[in-house]
Protein backbone atom coordinates (compact mmCIF):
# COMPACT_ATOMS: atom_id res chain seq x y z
CA MET A 1 -21.34 -0.91 -6.20
CA ASN A 2 -17.75 -1.01 -4.92
CA VAL A 3 -16.78 1.53 -2.25
CA LEU A 4 -13.32 2.23 -0.86
CA VAL A 5 -13.10 4.13 2.41
CA ILE A 6 -9.65 5.57 3.18
CA LEU A 7 -8.93 6.47 6.78
CA GLN A 8 -6.06 8.76 7.76
CA GLY A 9 -7.05 10.17 11.13
CA PRO A 10 -5.97 8.91 14.54
CA PRO A 11 -8.13 6.28 16.22
CA TYR A 12 -8.95 8.64 19.08
CA GLY A 13 -8.64 12.39 19.52
CA ASP A 14 -10.84 13.36 16.60
CA GLU A 15 -13.72 11.56 14.99
CA ARG A 16 -12.60 11.11 11.37
CA SER A 17 -11.77 7.41 11.69
CA TYR A 18 -14.84 6.82 13.84
CA ASN A 19 -17.14 8.38 11.26
CA GLY A 20 -15.37 6.61 8.40
CA LEU A 21 -15.87 3.25 10.09
CA ARG A 22 -19.49 4.09 10.88
CA LEU A 23 -20.09 4.76 7.20
CA ALA A 24 -18.13 1.69 6.07
CA GLY A 25 -20.07 -0.56 8.42
CA ASN A 26 -23.40 0.85 7.32
CA LEU A 27 -22.50 0.56 3.64
CA ALA A 28 -21.35 -3.03 4.13
CA LYS A 29 -24.84 -3.94 5.37
CA ARG A 30 -26.44 -2.80 2.10
CA ASP A 31 -27.31 -5.27 -0.62
CA GLY A 32 -25.17 -4.93 -3.71
CA VAL A 33 -22.43 -2.91 -1.97
CA THR A 34 -18.91 -4.23 -1.46
CA VAL A 35 -16.72 -2.25 0.93
CA ARG A 36 -13.00 -2.08 1.44
CA VAL A 37 -11.28 0.08 4.05
CA PHE A 38 -7.65 1.17 3.82
CA CYS A 39 -5.90 2.78 6.80
CA PHE A 40 -2.96 5.14 6.39
CA GLY A 41 -0.95 7.01 9.02
CA ASP A 42 -2.34 7.08 12.52
CA ALA A 43 -5.49 5.28 11.37
CA VAL A 44 -3.60 1.95 11.48
CA GLY A 45 -4.06 2.22 15.25
CA CYS A 46 -7.77 1.57 14.78
CA ALA A 47 -7.00 -2.12 14.23
CA VAL A 48 -4.83 -2.70 17.31
CA ALA A 49 -6.21 -5.63 19.30
CA GLY A 50 -7.07 -5.50 22.98
CA GLN A 51 -7.89 -1.82 23.22
CA ARG A 52 -8.96 -0.74 26.70
CA LEU A 53 -10.99 2.42 26.80
CA PRO A 54 -13.00 4.25 29.45
CA ASP A 55 -16.71 3.51 29.58
CA GLY A 56 -18.59 5.48 26.98
CA TYR A 57 -15.82 5.49 24.36
CA TYR A 58 -16.32 3.80 21.02
CA HIS A 59 -14.13 0.80 20.19
CA LEU A 60 -12.79 1.14 16.65
CA ASP A 61 -11.37 -2.39 16.67
CA ARG A 62 -14.90 -3.67 17.29
CA MET A 63 -16.27 -1.43 14.55
CA ILE A 64 -13.78 -2.94 12.09
CA THR A 65 -14.83 -6.43 13.18
CA ALA A 66 -18.51 -5.56 12.73
CA ALA A 67 -17.88 -4.20 9.22
CA ALA A 68 -15.86 -7.32 8.38
CA HIS A 69 -18.75 -9.52 9.51
CA HIS A 70 -20.78 -7.80 6.80
CA GLY A 71 -18.12 -8.49 4.17
CA ALA A 72 -15.83 -5.44 4.41
CA GLU A 73 -12.11 -6.03 3.86
CA VAL A 74 -9.62 -3.92 5.84
CA GLY A 75 -6.03 -3.24 4.84
CA LEU A 76 -3.41 -1.41 6.90
CA CYS A 77 -0.45 0.44 5.43
CA GLY A 78 2.56 -1.66 6.39
CA SER A 79 4.97 1.29 6.32
CA CYS A 80 2.63 3.22 8.61
CA MET A 81 2.43 0.24 10.97
CA ASP A 82 6.22 -0.01 11.09
CA ALA A 83 6.61 3.72 11.77
CA ARG A 84 4.33 3.32 14.81
CA GLY A 85 5.83 0.09 16.12
CA ILE A 86 2.68 -1.90 15.35
CA THR A 87 3.49 -5.50 14.46
CA ASP A 88 1.28 -8.05 12.69
CA ASP A 89 0.61 -9.89 15.95
CA MET A 90 -0.77 -6.69 17.50
CA ILE A 91 -3.65 -6.25 15.03
CA ILE A 92 -7.10 -7.75 15.08
CA GLU A 93 -8.02 -10.80 13.04
CA HIS A 94 -10.21 -8.87 10.61
CA ALA A 95 -7.50 -6.52 9.32
CA HIS A 96 -4.28 -7.26 7.48
CA ARG A 97 -0.92 -5.65 6.74
CA SER A 98 -1.04 -4.21 3.27
CA ASN A 99 0.82 -1.77 1.03
CA LEU A 100 0.42 1.06 -1.45
CA ASP A 101 0.09 -1.38 -4.36
CA GLN A 102 -3.01 -2.91 -2.80
CA CYS A 103 -4.45 0.53 -2.05
CA THR A 104 -3.83 1.47 -5.68
CA ASP A 105 -5.57 -1.69 -6.88
CA TRP A 106 -8.50 -1.02 -4.56
CA THR A 107 -8.77 2.56 -5.80
CA LEU A 108 -9.00 1.34 -9.41
CA TRP A 109 -11.55 -1.31 -8.34
CA ALA A 110 -13.77 1.21 -6.54
CA ASP A 111 -16.75 2.96 -8.10
CA LYS A 112 -16.50 5.48 -5.25
CA THR A 113 -13.62 6.41 -2.96
CA ILE A 114 -14.28 8.30 0.26
CA THR A 115 -11.57 9.68 2.51
CA PHE A 116 -11.66 10.58 6.18
């Protein structure tokens, strides 16, 4: 089964992206499931490298890395990155700058699409 998880929420401040990455990571661990994650809007901030958070906070960059270690692919909306001043050298290794064409392709590829 192919699953696309679309994130739109900010990395911190509400838990939409957190819960979306929890689900994506858990799905990626399952046999026979291929996961792709696409981040729009403020969600592109989830993949910024070197995040420093107070003790007790979840690290979304680490959650992306964990999902990627289980085969998930993570794309970031390039226009959304540009609007937020996020450059390619600021993002973690396991995510990549992408575009609406790739998100469209992934949507057509997916058996299920889930948005957060």
